[in-house]
Protein backbone atom coordinates (compact mmCIF):
# COMPACT_ATOMS: atom_id res chain seq x y z
CA MET A 1 -0.12 0.07 0.16
CA ILE A 2 1.14 3.28 -0.74
CA SER A 3 1.14 5.93 2.03
CA CYS A 4 -0.83 9.39 1.05
CA GLN A 5 2.65 11.21 1.37
CA GLN A 6 4.02 8.91 -1.25
CA TYR A 7 0.93 9.24 -3.65
CA ASP A 8 1.66 12.93 -3.65
CA TYR A 9 4.77 12.23 -5.79
CA ILE A 10 2.72 10.09 -8.20
CA GLU A 11 0.56 13.12 -8.48
CA ILE A 12 2.66 15.64 -9.01
CA ALA A 13 4.68 13.13 -11.91
CA CYS A 14 1.56 13.35 -13.30
CA LEU A 15 0.72 16.87 -13.17
CA PHE A 16 3.64 18.18 -14.37
CA ARG A 17 4.09 14.99 -17.11
CA LEU A 18 7.79 14.28 -15.78
CA PRO A 19 9.40 11.51 -17.38
CA ILE A 20 9.73 8.29 -14.99
CA GLU A 21 11.43 5.27 -14.40
CA LEU A 22 9.34 2.90 -12.77
CA THR A 23 10.73 -0.14 -10.61
CA LEU A 24 8.37 -3.35 -9.91
CA HIS A 25 8.86 -5.49 -7.30
CA THR A 26 9.50 -8.15 -9.91
CA GLY A 27 12.70 -5.83 -10.88
CA GLU A 28 10.89 -5.20 -14.03
CA LYS A 29 11.86 -1.49 -14.82
CA VAL A 30 9.33 0.69 -16.77
CA SER A 31 10.32 4.19 -18.12
CA GLY A 32 7.70 6.75 -19.69
CA VAL A 33 6.11 9.68 -18.83
CA ALA A 34 3.40 10.22 -16.00
CA GLN A 35 -0.05 10.82 -17.59
CA THR A 36 -2.85 9.66 -14.73
CA THR A 37 -3.94 7.77 -12.23
CA SER A 38 -7.30 5.68 -12.73
CA TYR A 39 -8.54 2.17 -11.73
CA ASN A 40 -8.61 -0.84 -13.60
CA GLN A 41 -11.74 -3.76 -13.76
CA ASN A 42 -10.94 -4.86 -10.80
CA LYS A 43 -10.82 -1.68 -8.46
CA GLU A 44 -7.47 -1.14 -8.48
CA GLU A 45 -5.74 1.90 -8.61
CA CYS A 46 -3.20 2.69 -11.80
CA LEU A 47 -1.08 4.73 -13.24
CA GLN A 48 -0.34 5.40 -17.00
CA LEU A 49 2.29 5.75 -18.75
CA THR A 50 3.32 7.02 -22.23
CA PRO A 51 6.10 5.11 -22.84
CA LEU A 52 9.42 7.41 -23.60
CA LEU A 53 9.83 5.91 -27.00
CA LEU A 54 6.94 8.15 -28.11
CA THR A 55 6.76 11.36 -26.74
CA ASN A 56 8.82 14.66 -28.48
CA LYS A 57 11.14 15.15 -25.58
CA GLN A 58 13.30 12.07 -26.88
CA THR A 59 12.00 11.96 -30.37
CA PRO A 60 14.36 14.07 -33.20
CA LYS A 61 12.05 16.77 -34.79
CA GLU A 62 11.23 14.60 -38.15
CA GLN A 63 9.75 11.91 -36.28
CA GLN A 64 8.12 13.87 -33.76
CA VAL A 65 3.91 13.53 -34.05
CA PRO A 66 2.15 16.39 -34.67
CA LYS A 67 0.67 18.41 -31.73
CA GLU A 68 -3.17 17.75 -33.22
CA GLN A 69 -2.49 14.13 -33.33
CA GLN A 70 -0.73 13.37 -29.80
CA ALA A 71 -3.96 13.27 -28.04
CA SER A 72 -4.91 9.84 -29.82
CA ALA A 73 -1.33 8.44 -30.19
CA VAL A 74 -1.17 8.88 -26.10
CA GLN A 75 -4.82 6.95 -25.84
CA GLN A 76 -4.37 3.90 -27.80
CA THR A 77 -0.19 3.54 -26.48
CA ASN A 78 -0.43 4.31 -22.60
CA ILE A 79 0.70 1.36 -20.60
CA THR A 80 -1.36 1.03 -17.01
CA LEU A 81 0.08 -0.21 -14.08
CA VAL A 82 -0.29 -1.20 -10.99
CA LEU A 83 0.33 0.85 -8.29
CA ASN A 84 0.60 -2.14 -5.67
CA THR A 85 3.56 -3.40 -8.28
CA VAL A 86 5.84 -0.65 -7.66
CA ALA A 87 8.70 -0.33 -5.63
CA SER A 88 10.16 2.30 -6.38
CA MET A 89 10.08 5.31 -9.02
CA GLN A 90 12.93 7.65 -10.62
CA ALA A 91 12.44 10.85 -12.14
CA LEU A 92 14.82 11.08 -15.31
CA GLU A 93 14.49 15.03 -15.28
CA GLN A 94 15.61 17.18 -12.59
CA ASN A 95 12.97 18.28 -10.94
CA PRO A 96 12.31 20.66 -7.62
CA HIS A 97 10.01 17.60 -6.04
CA PHE A 98 11.74 14.62 -6.08
CA ASP A 99 14.60 12.34 -7.30
CA ARG A 100 13.57 9.20 -6.46
CA ILE A 101 10.88 7.36 -4.25
CA ASP A 102 10.91 4.04 -2.40
CA PHE A 103 7.46 2.87 -2.36
CA GLN A 104 6.09 1.01 1.45
CA GLN A 105 5.13 -2.56 0.93
């Protein structure tokens, strides 16, 4: 279970669309830009990420998706992760809010 204080960092990541790397309890790492939180069909709280390969921050200008097409591209490609499977969150770019958060189990 993620504490309220730690959950605030998830919300900050989404609010500022920060690129993050999540380490799951299995050891798997998932990177992306934080988008929003949601609930899945099992009513588990989730985090939605856009994979880094699809964001314009890491893509050469000639391969970038036009702004008017970004919303539909994001909706089709988001990764949804159950928050209880996340062990830690690392910011991939400097920001004044956090560097790394380790979530309590």
